[in-house]
N, C-alpha and C. Protein backbone atom coordinates (compact mmCIF):
# COMPACT_ATOMS: atom_id res chain seq x y z
N UNK A 1 -12.40 7.12 23.45
CA UNK A 1 -10.96 7.04 23.48
C UNK A 1 -10.40 7.68 22.21
N UNK A 2 -9.45 8.57 22.36
CA UNK A 2 -8.92 9.32 21.23
C UNK A 2 -7.70 8.67 20.58
N UNK A 3 -7.15 7.63 21.20
CA UNK A 3 -5.98 6.96 20.64
C UNK A 3 -6.41 6.08 19.48
N UNK A 4 -5.67 6.14 18.39
CA UNK A 4 -5.95 5.34 17.19
C UNK A 4 -4.77 4.40 16.93
N UNK A 5 -5.02 3.30 16.21
CA UNK A 5 -3.91 2.43 15.84
C UNK A 5 -3.03 3.18 14.85
N UNK A 6 -1.74 3.01 15.01
CA UNK A 6 -0.77 3.73 14.19
C UNK A 6 -0.20 4.95 14.88
N UNK A 7 -0.80 5.41 15.99
CA UNK A 7 -0.27 6.56 16.74
C UNK A 7 1.04 6.18 17.43
N UNK A 8 1.92 7.14 17.60
CA UNK A 8 3.14 6.95 18.38
C UNK A 8 2.83 7.36 19.81
N UNK A 9 3.11 6.46 20.76
CA UNK A 9 2.81 6.74 22.16
C UNK A 9 4.05 6.53 23.01
N UNK A 10 4.02 7.11 24.21
CA UNK A 10 5.08 6.89 25.20
C UNK A 10 4.44 6.28 26.44
N UNK A 11 5.02 5.17 26.92
CA UNK A 11 4.50 4.47 28.09
C UNK A 11 4.93 5.24 29.33
N UNK A 12 3.99 5.53 30.24
CA UNK A 12 4.27 6.33 31.43
C UNK A 12 4.42 5.50 32.70
N UNK A 13 3.95 4.25 32.74
CA UNK A 13 4.04 3.44 33.94
C UNK A 13 4.47 2.03 33.59
N UNK A 14 4.92 1.30 34.60
CA UNK A 14 5.26 -0.10 34.42
C UNK A 14 6.72 -0.32 34.04
N UNK A 15 7.03 -1.56 33.66
CA UNK A 15 8.40 -1.94 33.32
C UNK A 15 8.92 -1.22 32.09
N UNK A 16 8.05 -0.86 31.18
CA UNK A 16 8.45 -0.24 29.92
C UNK A 16 8.35 1.27 29.96
N UNK A 17 8.45 1.87 31.14
CA UNK A 17 8.32 3.32 31.28
C UNK A 17 9.33 4.05 30.40
N UNK A 18 8.86 5.05 29.67
CA UNK A 18 9.73 5.83 28.81
C UNK A 18 9.86 5.30 27.39
N UNK A 19 9.30 4.13 27.11
CA UNK A 19 9.38 3.53 25.79
C UNK A 19 8.43 4.23 24.83
N UNK A 20 8.96 4.59 23.65
CA UNK A 20 8.12 5.14 22.59
C UNK A 20 7.92 4.07 21.53
N UNK A 21 6.67 3.82 21.20
CA UNK A 21 6.37 2.77 20.22
C UNK A 21 5.03 3.06 19.56
N UNK A 22 4.74 2.28 18.53
CA UNK A 22 3.52 2.45 17.74
C UNK A 22 2.39 1.59 18.30
N UNK A 23 1.17 2.11 18.24
CA UNK A 23 -0.01 1.36 18.68
C UNK A 23 -0.39 0.39 17.57
N UNK A 24 -0.50 -0.89 17.92
CA UNK A 24 -0.86 -1.92 16.93
C UNK A 24 -2.37 -2.09 16.83
N UNK A 25 -3.07 -2.08 17.96
CA UNK A 25 -4.52 -2.21 17.92
C UNK A 25 -5.14 -1.56 19.16
N UNK A 26 -6.42 -1.22 19.05
CA UNK A 26 -7.16 -0.56 20.13
C UNK A 26 -8.38 -1.39 20.44
N UNK A 27 -8.58 -1.69 21.73
CA UNK A 27 -9.76 -2.42 22.19
C UNK A 27 -10.62 -1.46 22.98
N UNK A 28 -11.62 -0.87 22.33
CA UNK A 28 -12.44 0.17 22.94
C UNK A 28 -13.34 -0.36 24.05
N UNK A 29 -13.75 -1.60 23.97
CA UNK A 29 -14.70 -2.16 24.94
C UNK A 29 -14.12 -2.14 26.35
N UNK A 30 -12.87 -2.58 26.50
CA UNK A 30 -12.27 -2.60 27.83
C UNK A 30 -11.20 -1.53 28.03
N UNK A 31 -11.05 -0.60 27.07
CA UNK A 31 -10.14 0.52 27.24
C UNK A 31 -8.67 0.15 27.24
N UNK A 32 -8.32 -0.83 26.43
CA UNK A 32 -6.93 -1.29 26.38
C UNK A 32 -6.36 -1.13 24.98
N UNK A 33 -5.04 -1.04 24.91
CA UNK A 33 -4.35 -0.93 23.62
C UNK A 33 -3.18 -1.90 23.60
N UNK A 34 -2.80 -2.33 22.40
CA UNK A 34 -1.62 -3.18 22.22
C UNK A 34 -0.55 -2.31 21.60
N UNK A 35 0.60 -2.21 22.29
CA UNK A 35 1.71 -1.37 21.85
C UNK A 35 2.86 -2.27 21.43
N UNK A 36 3.50 -1.92 20.32
CA UNK A 36 4.57 -2.72 19.74
C UNK A 36 5.75 -2.84 20.71
N UNK A 37 6.10 -4.08 21.08
CA UNK A 37 7.26 -4.35 21.94
C UNK A 37 7.04 -4.14 23.42
N UNK A 38 5.83 -3.81 23.84
CA UNK A 38 5.54 -3.54 25.25
C UNK A 38 4.64 -4.64 25.79
N UNK A 39 4.90 -5.08 27.03
CA UNK A 39 4.13 -6.13 27.72
C UNK A 39 4.17 -7.44 26.94
N UNK A 40 5.38 -7.87 26.60
CA UNK A 40 5.56 -9.12 25.86
C UNK A 40 5.47 -10.32 26.81
N UNK A 41 4.77 -11.36 26.38
CA UNK A 41 4.64 -12.60 27.15
C UNK A 41 4.97 -13.77 26.24
N UNK A 42 5.26 -14.91 26.86
CA UNK A 42 5.55 -16.13 26.09
C UNK A 42 4.35 -17.05 26.13
N UNK A 43 4.01 -17.58 24.98
CA UNK A 43 2.96 -18.58 24.87
C UNK A 43 3.66 -19.87 24.47
N UNK A 44 3.51 -20.90 25.28
CA UNK A 44 4.15 -22.18 25.01
C UNK A 44 3.26 -22.99 24.08
N UNK A 45 3.78 -23.31 22.89
CA UNK A 45 3.00 -23.98 21.86
C UNK A 45 3.48 -25.43 21.70
N UNK A 46 2.53 -26.32 21.63
CA UNK A 46 2.84 -27.72 21.36
C UNK A 46 3.01 -27.89 19.85
N UNK A 47 3.77 -28.86 19.43
CA UNK A 47 3.92 -29.12 18.00
C UNK A 47 2.59 -29.54 17.39
N UNK A 48 2.32 -29.02 16.19
CA UNK A 48 1.11 -29.38 15.46
C UNK A 48 1.38 -29.17 13.98
N UNK A 49 0.40 -29.49 13.14
CA UNK A 49 0.57 -29.27 11.70
C UNK A 49 0.66 -27.78 11.40
N UNK A 50 -0.08 -27.00 12.15
CA UNK A 50 -0.06 -25.56 11.95
C UNK A 50 1.26 -24.95 12.43
N UNK A 51 1.80 -25.45 13.52
CA UNK A 51 3.05 -24.97 14.10
C UNK A 51 3.99 -26.16 14.28
N UNK A 52 4.70 -26.59 13.22
CA UNK A 52 5.50 -27.82 13.30
C UNK A 52 6.69 -27.74 14.25
N UNK A 53 7.21 -26.54 14.50
CA UNK A 53 8.37 -26.40 15.36
C UNK A 53 8.00 -26.47 16.84
N UNK A 54 6.88 -25.84 17.22
CA UNK A 54 6.51 -25.77 18.62
C UNK A 54 7.40 -24.76 19.34
N UNK A 55 7.43 -24.82 20.66
CA UNK A 55 8.30 -23.94 21.44
C UNK A 55 7.57 -22.75 22.02
N UNK A 56 8.35 -21.69 22.28
CA UNK A 56 7.81 -20.49 22.92
C UNK A 56 7.58 -19.41 21.87
N UNK A 57 6.36 -18.91 21.82
CA UNK A 57 5.99 -17.84 20.90
C UNK A 57 5.81 -16.57 21.72
N UNK A 58 6.52 -15.50 21.36
CA UNK A 58 6.44 -14.24 22.08
C UNK A 58 5.44 -13.32 21.40
N UNK A 59 4.57 -12.70 22.21
CA UNK A 59 3.59 -11.79 21.64
C UNK A 59 3.27 -10.68 22.63
N UNK A 60 2.72 -9.56 22.12
CA UNK A 60 2.35 -8.43 22.96
C UNK A 60 0.95 -8.63 23.51
N UNK A 61 0.77 -8.23 24.74
CA UNK A 61 -0.54 -8.27 25.38
C UNK A 61 -1.02 -6.83 25.61
N UNK A 62 -2.33 -6.63 25.76
CA UNK A 62 -2.87 -5.27 25.92
C UNK A 62 -2.46 -4.63 27.24
N UNK A 63 -2.31 -3.31 27.22
CA UNK A 63 -2.12 -2.52 28.43
C UNK A 63 -3.23 -1.48 28.48
N UNK A 64 -3.46 -0.91 29.66
CA UNK A 64 -4.52 0.07 29.81
C UNK A 64 -4.15 1.36 29.09
N UNK A 65 -5.11 1.96 28.44
CA UNK A 65 -4.87 3.18 27.66
C UNK A 65 -4.47 4.36 28.54
N UNK A 66 -4.80 4.32 29.82
CA UNK A 66 -4.45 5.41 30.72
C UNK A 66 -2.97 5.42 31.05
N UNK A 67 -2.24 4.36 30.71
CA UNK A 67 -0.82 4.26 31.02
C UNK A 67 0.07 4.81 29.93
N UNK A 68 -0.50 5.39 28.88
CA UNK A 68 0.30 5.93 27.79
C UNK A 68 -0.15 7.36 27.45
N UNK A 69 0.75 8.12 26.84
CA UNK A 69 0.45 9.44 26.32
C UNK A 69 0.85 9.47 24.86
N UNK A 70 0.07 10.13 24.04
CA UNK A 70 0.37 10.25 22.61
C UNK A 70 1.52 11.23 22.43
N UNK A 71 2.48 10.87 21.56
CA UNK A 71 3.60 11.76 21.24
C UNK A 71 3.16 12.66 20.09
N UNK A 72 3.21 13.96 20.32
CA UNK A 72 2.79 14.95 19.33
C UNK A 72 3.82 15.02 18.21
N UNK A 73 3.35 15.11 16.98
CA UNK A 73 4.24 15.24 15.84
C UNK A 73 4.85 16.62 15.72
N UNK A 74 4.18 17.63 16.25
CA UNK A 74 4.66 19.00 16.15
C UNK A 74 5.76 19.32 17.16
N UNK A 75 5.51 19.04 18.44
CA UNK A 75 6.48 19.39 19.48
C UNK A 75 7.33 18.20 19.91
N UNK A 76 7.04 17.00 19.42
CA UNK A 76 7.78 15.77 19.72
C UNK A 76 7.85 15.48 21.22
N UNK A 77 6.77 15.80 21.93
CA UNK A 77 6.68 15.54 23.36
C UNK A 77 5.40 14.76 23.65
N UNK A 78 5.41 13.91 24.68
CA UNK A 78 4.17 13.23 25.06
C UNK A 78 3.20 14.23 25.68
N UNK A 79 1.96 14.22 25.23
CA UNK A 79 0.98 15.17 25.76
C UNK A 79 -0.42 14.58 25.67
N UNK A 80 -1.32 15.23 26.39
CA UNK A 80 -2.71 14.83 26.32
C UNK A 80 -3.32 15.36 25.04
N UNK A 81 -4.46 14.80 24.67
CA UNK A 81 -5.15 15.23 23.46
C UNK A 81 -6.48 15.87 23.81
N UNK A 82 -6.89 16.78 22.96
CA UNK A 82 -8.20 17.40 23.08
C UNK A 82 -8.91 17.32 21.74
N UNK A 83 -10.15 17.72 21.72
CA UNK A 83 -10.94 17.71 20.49
C UNK A 83 -11.32 19.14 20.16
N UNK A 84 -11.18 19.50 18.90
CA UNK A 84 -11.52 20.84 18.45
C UNK A 84 -12.55 20.73 17.34
N UNK A 85 -13.59 21.51 17.42
CA UNK A 85 -14.64 21.53 16.42
C UNK A 85 -14.36 22.68 15.45
N UNK A 86 -14.21 22.36 14.17
CA UNK A 86 -13.93 23.38 13.17
C UNK A 86 -15.22 24.03 12.68
N UNK A 87 -15.09 25.12 11.95
CA UNK A 87 -16.24 25.88 11.48
C UNK A 87 -17.12 25.09 10.52
N UNK A 88 -16.49 24.19 9.72
CA UNK A 88 -17.27 23.41 8.75
C UNK A 88 -17.92 22.17 9.36
N UNK A 89 -17.79 21.97 10.67
CA UNK A 89 -18.42 20.84 11.34
C UNK A 89 -17.51 19.65 11.54
N UNK A 90 -16.27 19.73 11.09
CA UNK A 90 -15.32 18.63 11.26
C UNK A 90 -14.75 18.65 12.67
N UNK A 91 -14.40 17.45 13.19
CA UNK A 91 -13.76 17.32 14.49
C UNK A 91 -12.34 16.85 14.27
N UNK A 92 -11.38 17.46 14.98
CA UNK A 92 -9.99 17.02 14.89
C UNK A 92 -9.42 16.82 16.29
N UNK A 93 -8.39 15.98 16.37
CA UNK A 93 -7.66 15.80 17.61
C UNK A 93 -6.52 16.83 17.65
N UNK A 94 -6.31 17.46 18.79
CA UNK A 94 -5.26 18.47 18.91
C UNK A 94 -4.40 18.18 20.13
N UNK A 95 -3.14 18.60 20.06
CA UNK A 95 -2.19 18.49 21.16
C UNK A 95 -2.51 19.56 22.18
N UNK A 96 -2.54 19.21 23.47
CA UNK A 96 -2.84 20.17 24.52
C UNK A 96 -1.66 21.11 24.79
N UNK A 97 -0.43 20.69 24.43
CA UNK A 97 0.74 21.53 24.69
C UNK A 97 0.94 22.59 23.62
N UNK A 98 0.91 22.17 22.34
CA UNK A 98 1.25 23.11 21.27
C UNK A 98 0.08 23.42 20.34
N UNK A 99 -1.02 22.69 20.44
CA UNK A 99 -2.19 22.94 19.61
C UNK A 99 -2.11 22.36 18.21
N UNK A 100 -1.13 21.50 17.96
CA UNK A 100 -0.96 20.91 16.63
C UNK A 100 -2.08 19.92 16.32
N UNK A 101 -2.41 19.78 15.05
CA UNK A 101 -3.43 18.86 14.57
C UNK A 101 -2.87 17.44 14.60
N UNK A 102 -3.59 16.51 15.25
CA UNK A 102 -3.15 15.12 15.37
C UNK A 102 -4.00 14.16 14.55
N UNK A 103 -4.88 14.67 13.72
CA UNK A 103 -5.70 13.80 12.88
C UNK A 103 -7.18 14.10 13.06
N UNK A 104 -7.95 13.58 12.14
CA UNK A 104 -9.37 13.87 12.09
C UNK A 104 -10.16 12.81 12.84
N UNK A 105 -11.27 13.22 13.46
CA UNK A 105 -12.22 12.30 14.09
C UNK A 105 -13.48 12.17 13.26
N UNK A 106 -13.91 13.30 12.67
CA UNK A 106 -15.12 13.31 11.86
C UNK A 106 -14.92 14.31 10.74
N UNK A 107 -15.34 13.94 9.55
CA UNK A 107 -15.21 14.84 8.42
C UNK A 107 -16.28 15.91 8.47
N UNK A 108 -16.18 16.89 7.60
CA UNK A 108 -17.11 18.01 7.57
C UNK A 108 -18.51 17.54 7.19
N UNK A 109 -19.51 18.19 7.75
CA UNK A 109 -20.91 17.88 7.41
C UNK A 109 -21.25 18.47 6.06
N UNK A 110 -22.11 17.78 5.35
CA UNK A 110 -22.51 18.26 4.02
C UNK A 110 -23.75 19.08 4.07
């Protein structure tokens, strides 16, 4: 999975379609990501010493990574990502639309 936490993504399906938000965490094992403000649910908490107020706590739940596209910093459009191998052995993520660099996957070999 090429999506990293901190990436800006656009949701393509579901109730939050068209929403642009930041990725909070990535769960590689089941292919899901947690996106800020998307797929919010309420957890009903009983009063306790840890949570003296109790009530409803709102939090984000994971969505499938296939339901989002990364927003490119160069063209500011949602697009797919590819991997490019540089001459020095480094791997980078690139935008499929404009070819802009989206960050490194592996540093250069020594």
